[in-house]
């Protein structure tokens, strides 16, 4: 994403990683439910959003430092940088 005004983390995304399975990898392990999914643009992990009870993608960011996630929801085309709290549509 090379758009003016974007943070360096969002601009660094050159090839979009997409969810291979539409489940939260962590919620499945525990039998929990989730609302929406996000895919990490560093490692490709697909985890639940902050509207979900366990907020696994935010926990993933804090644990790994991987700053950018995309929506894994059909029809949604955006990225979120956790470090800079910035969104970009694509």
Protein backbone atom coordinates (compact mmCIF):
# COMPACT_ATOMS: atom_id res chain seq x y z
CA UNK A 1 0.00 0.00 0.00
CA UNK A 2 1.80 3.05 -1.17
CA UNK A 3 -0.61 5.87 -0.38
CA UNK A 4 0.43 9.25 1.00
CA UNK A 5 -0.34 9.82 4.68
CA UNK A 6 -0.19 6.14 5.68
CA UNK A 7 2.09 4.95 8.45
CA UNK A 8 5.22 3.00 7.53
CA UNK A 9 3.64 -0.29 8.67
CA UNK A 10 0.68 0.04 6.29
CA UNK A 11 2.92 1.21 3.44
CA UNK A 12 5.10 -1.88 3.99
CA UNK A 13 2.25 -4.25 3.04
CA UNK A 14 2.99 -5.18 -0.57
CA UNK A 15 1.15 -8.49 -0.92
CA UNK A 16 -2.03 -9.16 1.04
CA UNK A 17 -2.14 -12.29 3.19
CA UNK A 18 -5.65 -13.81 3.22
CA UNK A 19 -7.30 -16.24 5.60
CA UNK A 20 -6.95 -19.87 4.57
CA UNK A 21 -9.66 -20.93 7.02
CA UNK A 22 -12.42 -18.68 8.31
CA UNK A 23 -12.06 -19.50 12.00
CA UNK A 24 -10.24 -17.92 14.92
CA UNK A 25 -7.33 -20.29 15.48
CA UNK A 26 -7.28 -19.61 19.25
CA UNK A 27 -11.05 -19.73 19.84
CA UNK A 28 -11.27 -23.11 18.08
CA UNK A 29 -8.72 -24.55 20.53
CA UNK A 30 -11.01 -23.68 23.47
CA UNK A 31 -14.44 -24.11 21.89
CA UNK A 32 -15.18 -20.37 22.07
CA UNK A 33 -17.25 -18.25 19.68
CA UNK A 34 -16.08 -15.11 17.84
CA UNK A 35 -17.74 -12.30 15.90
CA UNK A 36 -15.34 -11.19 13.17
CA UNK A 37 -11.95 -12.29 11.92
CA UNK A 38 -8.68 -10.51 11.13
CA UNK A 39 -5.59 -11.82 9.34
CA UNK A 40 -2.11 -10.80 10.46
CA UNK A 41 -0.16 -9.30 7.58
CA UNK A 42 3.17 -10.45 9.03
CA UNK A 43 2.58 -14.15 9.71
CA UNK A 44 -0.87 -14.88 8.22
CA UNK A 45 -2.55 -15.95 11.49
CA UNK A 46 -6.33 -15.50 11.45
CA UNK A 47 -7.79 -14.49 14.82
CA UNK A 48 -10.85 -12.77 16.27
CA UNK A 49 -11.44 -9.02 16.44
CA UNK A 50 -11.90 -6.66 19.41
CA UNK A 51 -15.69 -7.08 19.23
CA UNK A 52 -15.17 -10.75 20.05
CA UNK A 53 -14.95 -11.75 23.73
CA UNK A 54 -11.28 -12.81 23.67
CA UNK A 55 -9.78 -10.21 21.27
CA UNK A 56 -7.15 -12.63 20.00
CA UNK A 57 -5.77 -10.43 17.19
CA UNK A 58 -5.02 -7.59 19.61
CA UNK A 59 -3.36 -10.09 21.97
CA UNK A 60 -1.37 -11.39 18.99
CA UNK A 61 -0.12 -7.86 18.27
CA UNK A 62 0.93 -7.31 21.90
CA UNK A 63 2.66 -10.70 22.05
CA UNK A 64 4.42 -10.64 18.66
CA UNK A 65 4.66 -6.97 17.71
CA UNK A 66 3.09 -7.74 14.30
CA UNK A 67 1.45 -4.36 13.62
CA UNK A 68 -0.96 -4.82 10.68
CA UNK A 69 -4.06 -6.97 10.26
CA UNK A 70 -6.64 -7.10 7.50
CA UNK A 71 -10.31 -7.87 7.79
CA UNK A 72 -10.95 -11.51 6.92
CA UNK A 73 -14.65 -10.79 6.44
CA UNK A 74 -16.16 -11.19 2.97
CA UNK A 75 -16.69 -7.85 1.24
CA UNK A 76 -14.46 -5.89 3.64
CA UNK A 77 -11.26 -4.46 2.15
CA UNK A 78 -9.26 -2.69 4.82
CA UNK A 79 -6.11 -2.92 6.92
CA UNK A 80 -5.58 -1.78 10.51
CA UNK A 81 -2.25 -0.83 12.06
CA UNK A 82 -2.37 -1.59 15.78
CA UNK A 83 0.81 0.33 16.53
CA UNK A 84 -0.24 3.58 14.86
CA UNK A 85 -4.03 3.10 15.20
CA UNK A 86 -4.54 3.82 11.52
CA UNK A 87 -6.84 2.25 8.93
CA UNK A 88 -6.39 1.99 5.18
CA UNK A 89 -8.84 0.77 2.57
CA UNK A 90 -7.59 -1.13 -0.46
